[in-house]
Amino acid sequence: MDKTSNIIEVQNLSVAFDEREVLTDVSFTVQPEQITVILGGSGSGKTTILKHLLNLYPSPENTTFVFNKDVAGLSEEEQTEFYLNMGVFYQNGALINSLTVIENVALPLEQHTTLPDNIIRQMVLMKLGLVNLKEAAHLYPAQLSGGMLKRAALARAIIMDPPLLFCDEPGAGLDPVSLASLDQLILDLREQLGMTIVMVTHEVSSILRVADKIIFLEKGQIIFEGAKKEALESDIESVQEFFGKGTGK
């Protein structure tokens, strides 16, 4: 993939629900193979942006571009390709309780490829190896710890080798040790697979560990966009307060 062009480009996106403006003139870019963290307080518009990037909410034309394509104008065929090129790591894992880990992770391959069962099994075990979960392949979600559930969900999100991964509050509910382990895993996967990652989170410790770039939202507007180092040195009061709480300042 061309490392000089943006994977995502949002231009002047404004969104209103029931006449209440949720996003106002939002513009930002996401570069290849970087981890971009979108953060802000409750109701700031983080989830709304994520759903527009995933084409779950309709975007106005010429506002939301992913893989250099206007999301608003995708044909049915293009939408299929669009979704196959991205993985989504949901906050609650979204695993199917009646299926084992190996069956959950295999689902995208079974639905979207014609690969034989033995090849699918090999690919799933390889991905479970990447997330250190091979030993749990035949367990059910109810038998997994919180950290193991997250790793299983991550394995499923990357099973199709997507160039783009969205993470929605991936560390929610984890203890500090499990959270640090998950963060390291995400960094390792980015390095090994060359993925671009967009993460929505409020976990300051995670942001400090993984973020290359930070987009800070407040009341539906971007008040900061830049590198993590720039965010930590920012004189914007809301940004200072957010990181001050997490760094003991």
Protein backbone atom coordinates (compact mmCIF):
# COMPACT_ATOMS: atom_id res chain seq x y z
CA MET A 1 0.00 0.00 0.00
CA ASP A 2 1.25 3.49 -0.84
CA LYS A 3 2.74 4.89 2.36
CA THR A 4 2.60 8.46 1.08
CA SER A 5 -1.16 8.73 0.71
CA ASN A 6 -3.72 8.95 3.51
CA ILE A 7 -5.72 5.82 4.34
CA ILE A 8 -8.53 8.02 5.68
CA GLU A 9 -9.39 11.60 4.88
CA VAL A 10 -12.36 13.40 6.41
CA GLN A 11 -13.24 16.81 5.00
CA ASN A 12 -15.68 19.21 6.66
CA LEU A 13 -17.98 16.51 8.05
CA SER A 14 -20.98 17.93 9.90
CA VAL A 15 -23.66 15.67 11.37
CA ALA A 16 -26.93 16.42 13.14
CA PHE A 17 -29.47 14.07 14.76
CA ASP A 18 -32.96 15.45 15.36
CA GLU A 19 -31.63 18.94 14.65
CA ARG A 20 -28.93 18.55 17.32
CA GLU A 21 -25.49 19.05 15.83
CA VAL A 22 -23.20 16.17 16.83
CA LEU A 23 -20.20 16.92 14.60
CA THR A 24 -19.27 20.35 13.28
CA ASP A 25 -16.94 20.80 10.31
CA VAL A 26 -14.69 17.88 11.26
CA SER A 27 -11.57 17.36 9.12
CA PHE A 28 -8.60 15.04 9.73
CA THR A 29 -6.36 12.47 8.07
CA VAL A 30 -5.03 9.02 9.00
CA GLN A 31 -1.65 7.96 7.64
CA PRO A 32 -0.64 4.39 6.70
CA GLU A 33 0.77 2.07 9.37
CA GLN A 34 0.17 4.56 12.16
CA ILE A 35 -1.98 4.20 15.27
CA THR A 36 -4.37 7.13 15.39
CA VAL A 37 -6.33 7.59 18.62
CA ILE A 38 -9.61 9.50 18.63
CA LEU A 39 -10.45 10.73 22.10
CA GLY A 40 -12.63 13.14 23.99
CA GLY A 41 -15.25 13.21 26.71
CA SER A 42 -18.62 11.46 26.68
CA GLY A 43 -20.82 12.90 23.92
CA SER A 44 -17.89 14.52 22.11
CA GLY A 45 -18.64 12.66 18.85
CA LYS A 46 -16.03 9.86 18.91
CA THR A 47 -18.47 7.03 18.21
CA THR A 48 -20.28 9.07 15.56
CA ILE A 49 -17.02 9.54 13.65
CA LEU A 50 -16.23 5.84 13.92
CA LYS A 51 -19.64 4.85 12.54
CA HIS A 52 -19.22 7.21 9.59
CA LEU A 53 -15.81 5.72 8.83
CA LEU A 54 -17.38 2.26 8.92
CA ASN A 55 -20.22 3.48 6.67
CA LEU A 56 -22.75 2.53 9.34
CA TYR A 57 -24.07 6.10 9.25
CA PRO A 58 -24.52 7.70 5.80
CA SER A 59 -21.98 10.45 5.11
CA PRO A 60 -22.62 13.46 2.90
CA GLU A 61 -20.81 13.21 -0.43
CA ASN A 62 -17.19 14.34 -0.58
CA THR A 63 -16.69 14.32 3.19
CA THR A 64 -15.48 10.83 4.15
CA PHE A 65 -12.80 9.02 2.15
CA VAL A 66 -11.39 5.60 3.04
CA PHE A 67 -8.80 3.94 0.77
CA ASN A 68 -9.17 7.02 -1.49
CA LYS A 69 -12.85 6.23 -2.11
CA ASP A 70 -15.79 8.44 -1.20
CA VAL A 71 -17.72 6.27 1.28
CA ALA A 72 -20.98 7.96 0.28
CA GLY A 73 -20.68 6.78 -3.32
CA LEU A 74 -19.71 3.13 -2.92
CA SER A 75 -21.51 0.66 -5.17
CA GLU A 76 -22.73 -2.63 -3.69
CA GLU A 77 -19.67 -4.42 -5.07
CA GLU A 78 -17.35 -1.73 -3.73
CA GLN A 79 -19.00 -1.95 -0.29
CA THR A 80 -18.19 -5.67 -0.11
CA GLU A 81 -14.53 -4.98 -0.91
CA PHE A 82 -14.58 -2.01 1.50
CA TYR A 83 -15.60 -4.18 4.44
CA LEU A 84 -13.22 -7.01 3.57
CA ASN A 85 -10.33 -4.54 3.79
CA MET A 86 -11.02 -3.59 7.39
CA GLY A 87 -11.27 -5.32 10.71
CA VAL A 88 -13.32 -4.14 13.69
CA PHE A 89 -12.34 -4.91 17.27
CA TYR A 90 -15.48 -4.26 19.30
CA GLN A 91 -15.55 -3.16 22.94
CA ASN A 92 -17.54 -6.20 24.10
CA GLY A 93 -15.72 -8.66 21.83
CA ALA A 94 -18.99 -9.59 20.04
CA LEU A 95 -18.12 -13.29 20.05
CA ILE A 96 -20.87 -15.87 19.51
CA ASN A 97 -21.30 -17.75 22.79
CA SER A 98 -22.37 -21.04 21.18
CA LEU A 99 -19.16 -21.28 19.12
CA THR A 100 -15.64 -22.13 20.28
CA VAL A 101 -12.80 -19.66 19.86
CA ILE A 102 -11.54 -21.40 16.73
CA GLU A 103 -15.07 -21.40 15.25
CA ASN A 104 -15.58 -17.71 16.06
CA VAL A 105 -12.31 -16.69 14.45
CA ALA A 106 -12.97 -18.86 11.39
CA LEU A 107 -16.35 -17.25 10.62
CA PRO A 108 -15.13 -14.45 8.28
CA LEU A 109 -13.07 -16.94 6.24
CA GLU A 110 -16.01 -19.32 5.98
CA GLN A 111 -18.35 -16.52 4.90
CA HIS A 112 -16.11 -14.67 2.46
CA THR A 113 -13.72 -17.23 0.98
CA THR A 114 -13.90 -20.64 -0.70
CA LEU A 115 -10.86 -21.97 1.15
CA PRO A 116 -10.99 -25.63 2.23
CA ASP A 117 -11.58 -26.36 5.91
CA ASN A 118 -8.03 -27.55 6.57
CA ILE A 119 -6.54 -24.30 5.22
CA ILE A 120 -9.01 -22.22 7.25
CA ARG A 121 -8.04 -24.16 10.37
CA GLN A 122 -4.33 -23.54 9.72
CA MET A 123 -4.93 -19.81 9.18
CA VAL A 124 -7.02 -19.52 12.34
CA LEU A 125 -4.42 -21.33 14.45
CA MET A 126 -1.73 -19.04 13.03
CA LYS A 127 -3.69 -15.95 14.06
CA LEU A 128 -4.44 -17.43 17.48
CA GLY A 129 -0.70 -17.97 17.80
CA LEU A 130 -0.09 -14.29 17.02
CA VAL A 131 -2.40 -13.27 19.90
CA ASN A 132 -1.05 -15.97 22.25
CA LEU A 133 -4.32 -17.88 22.41
CA LYS A 134 -3.64 -21.21 20.71
CA GLU A 135 -4.21 -23.11 23.93
CA ALA A 136 -7.77 -21.75 24.16
CA ALA A 137 -8.80 -22.67 20.59
CA HIS A 138 -11.47 -25.15 21.68
CA LEU A 139 -12.85 -23.20 24.63
CA TYR A 140 -16.13 -21.28 24.55
CA PRO A 141 -16.34 -17.54 25.28
CA ALA A 142 -17.86 -18.18 28.72
CA GLN A 143 -14.71 -20.11 29.65
CA LEU A 144 -12.36 -17.23 28.85
CA SER A 145 -11.01 -14.47 31.08
CA GLY A 146 -11.58 -10.85 30.08
CA GLY A 147 -8.13 -10.56 28.55
CA MET A 148 -8.53 -13.81 26.62
CA LEU A 149 -11.90 -12.65 25.25
CA LYS A 150 -10.24 -9.49 23.95
CA ARG A 151 -7.46 -11.47 22.27
CA ALA A 152 -9.97 -13.83 20.65
CA ALA A 153 -11.93 -10.86 19.32
CA LEU A 154 -8.70 -9.33 18.02
CA ALA A 155 -7.78 -12.57 16.24
CA ARG A 156 -11.15 -12.56 14.49
CA ALA A 157 -10.76 -8.89 13.52
CA ILE A 158 -7.44 -9.61 11.77
CA ILE A 159 -8.21 -13.05 10.29
CA MET A 160 -8.66 -11.59 6.77
CA ASP A 161 -5.37 -9.64 7.04
CA PRO A 162 -7.10 -6.26 6.72
CA PRO A 163 -4.85 -3.26 6.02
CA LEU A 164 -7.08 -1.16 8.31
CA LEU A 165 -8.19 -2.04 11.86
CA PHE A 166 -10.74 -0.11 13.95
CA CYS A 167 -10.64 -0.61 17.72
CA ASP A 168 -13.63 0.60 19.75
CA GLU A 169 -12.61 0.96 23.43
CA PRO A 170 -10.49 -2.21 23.22
CA GLY A 171 -9.25 -1.98 26.80
CA ALA A 172 -12.62 -1.42 28.47
CA GLY A 173 -13.00 -3.54 31.62
CA LEU A 174 -9.43 -4.84 31.72
CA ASP A 175 -7.14 -4.65 34.74
CA PRO A 176 -3.90 -2.63 34.27
CA VAL A 177 -1.72 -5.70 33.61
CA SER A 178 -4.10 -7.16 31.01
CA LEU A 179 -4.49 -3.72 29.43
CA ALA A 180 -0.73 -3.28 29.08
CA SER A 181 -0.48 -6.76 27.56
CA LEU A 182 -3.23 -5.97 25.03
CA ASP A 183 -1.53 -2.69 24.10
CA GLN A 184 1.75 -4.49 23.44
CA LEU A 185 -0.09 -7.04 21.33
CA ILE A 186 -1.64 -4.27 19.21
CA LEU A 187 1.80 -2.69 18.74
CA ASP A 188 3.28 -6.06 17.76
CA LEU A 189 0.51 -6.75 15.25
CA ARG A 190 0.93 -3.32 13.67
CA GLU A 191 4.64 -4.06 13.30
CA GLN A 192 4.21 -7.61 11.98
CA LEU A 193 1.23 -7.06 9.68
CA GLY A 194 1.80 -3.42 8.65
CA MET A 195 -1.74 -2.42 9.62
CA THR A 196 -3.14 1.07 10.00
CA ILE A 197 -5.06 1.29 13.29
CA VAL A 198 -7.75 3.76 14.35
CA MET A 199 -8.60 3.50 18.02
CA VAL A 200 -11.35 5.12 20.09
CA THR A 201 -10.43 4.98 23.77
CA HIS A 202 -10.40 6.97 27.00
CA GLU A 203 -7.64 4.90 28.64
CA VAL A 204 -4.80 7.39 29.16
CA SER A 205 -2.21 4.67 29.85
CA SER A 206 -3.09 2.97 26.54
CA ILE A 207 -2.87 6.22 24.62
CA LEU A 208 0.57 6.93 26.06
CA ARG A 209 1.76 3.44 25.07
CA VAL A 210 0.36 3.07 21.55
CA ALA A 211 -0.61 6.39 19.94
CA ASP A 212 1.35 7.86 17.05
CA LYS A 213 -1.25 10.52 16.41
CA ILE A 214 -4.05 11.98 18.53
CA ILE A 215 -7.33 13.56 17.46
CA PHE A 216 -9.06 15.29 20.38
CA LEU A 217 -12.76 16.05 20.16
CA GLU A 218 -14.80 18.44 22.25
CA LYS A 219 -18.51 19.11 21.66
CA GLY A 220 -18.32 17.68 18.16
CA GLN A 221 -15.31 19.70 17.04
CA ILE A 222 -11.64 18.81 16.73
CA ILE A 223 -9.65 20.98 19.13
CA PHE A 224 -6.35 19.15 18.61
CA GLU A 225 -4.80 16.98 15.87
CA GLY A 226 -1.18 16.01 16.00
CA ALA A 227 1.54 13.70 17.29
CA LYS A 228 1.38 12.31 20.84
CA LYS A 229 4.39 14.41 21.89
CA GLU A 230 2.62 17.55 20.66
CA ALA A 231 -0.51 16.60 22.60
CA LEU A 232 1.45 16.15 25.81
CA GLU A 233 3.02 19.59 25.31
CA SER A 234 -0.22 21.28 24.19
CA ASP A 235 -1.39 24.45 25.93
CA ILE A 236 -5.06 23.62 25.18
CA GLU A 237 -6.73 23.37 28.59
CA SER A 238 -8.93 20.34 27.84
CA VAL A 239 -5.98 18.40 26.43
CA GLN A 240 -3.80 19.32 29.41
CA GLU A 241 -6.52 18.21 31.85
CA PHE A 242 -7.06 14.90 30.04
CA PHE A 243 -3.42 13.87 30.10
CA GLY A 244 -2.73 15.47 33.47
CA LYS A 245 -5.15 13.03 35.09
CA GLY A 246 -3.28 10.09 33.60
CA THR A 247 0.28 11.23 34.30
CA GLY A 248 -0.06 12.44 37.88
CA LYS A 249 0.51 16.10 37.01
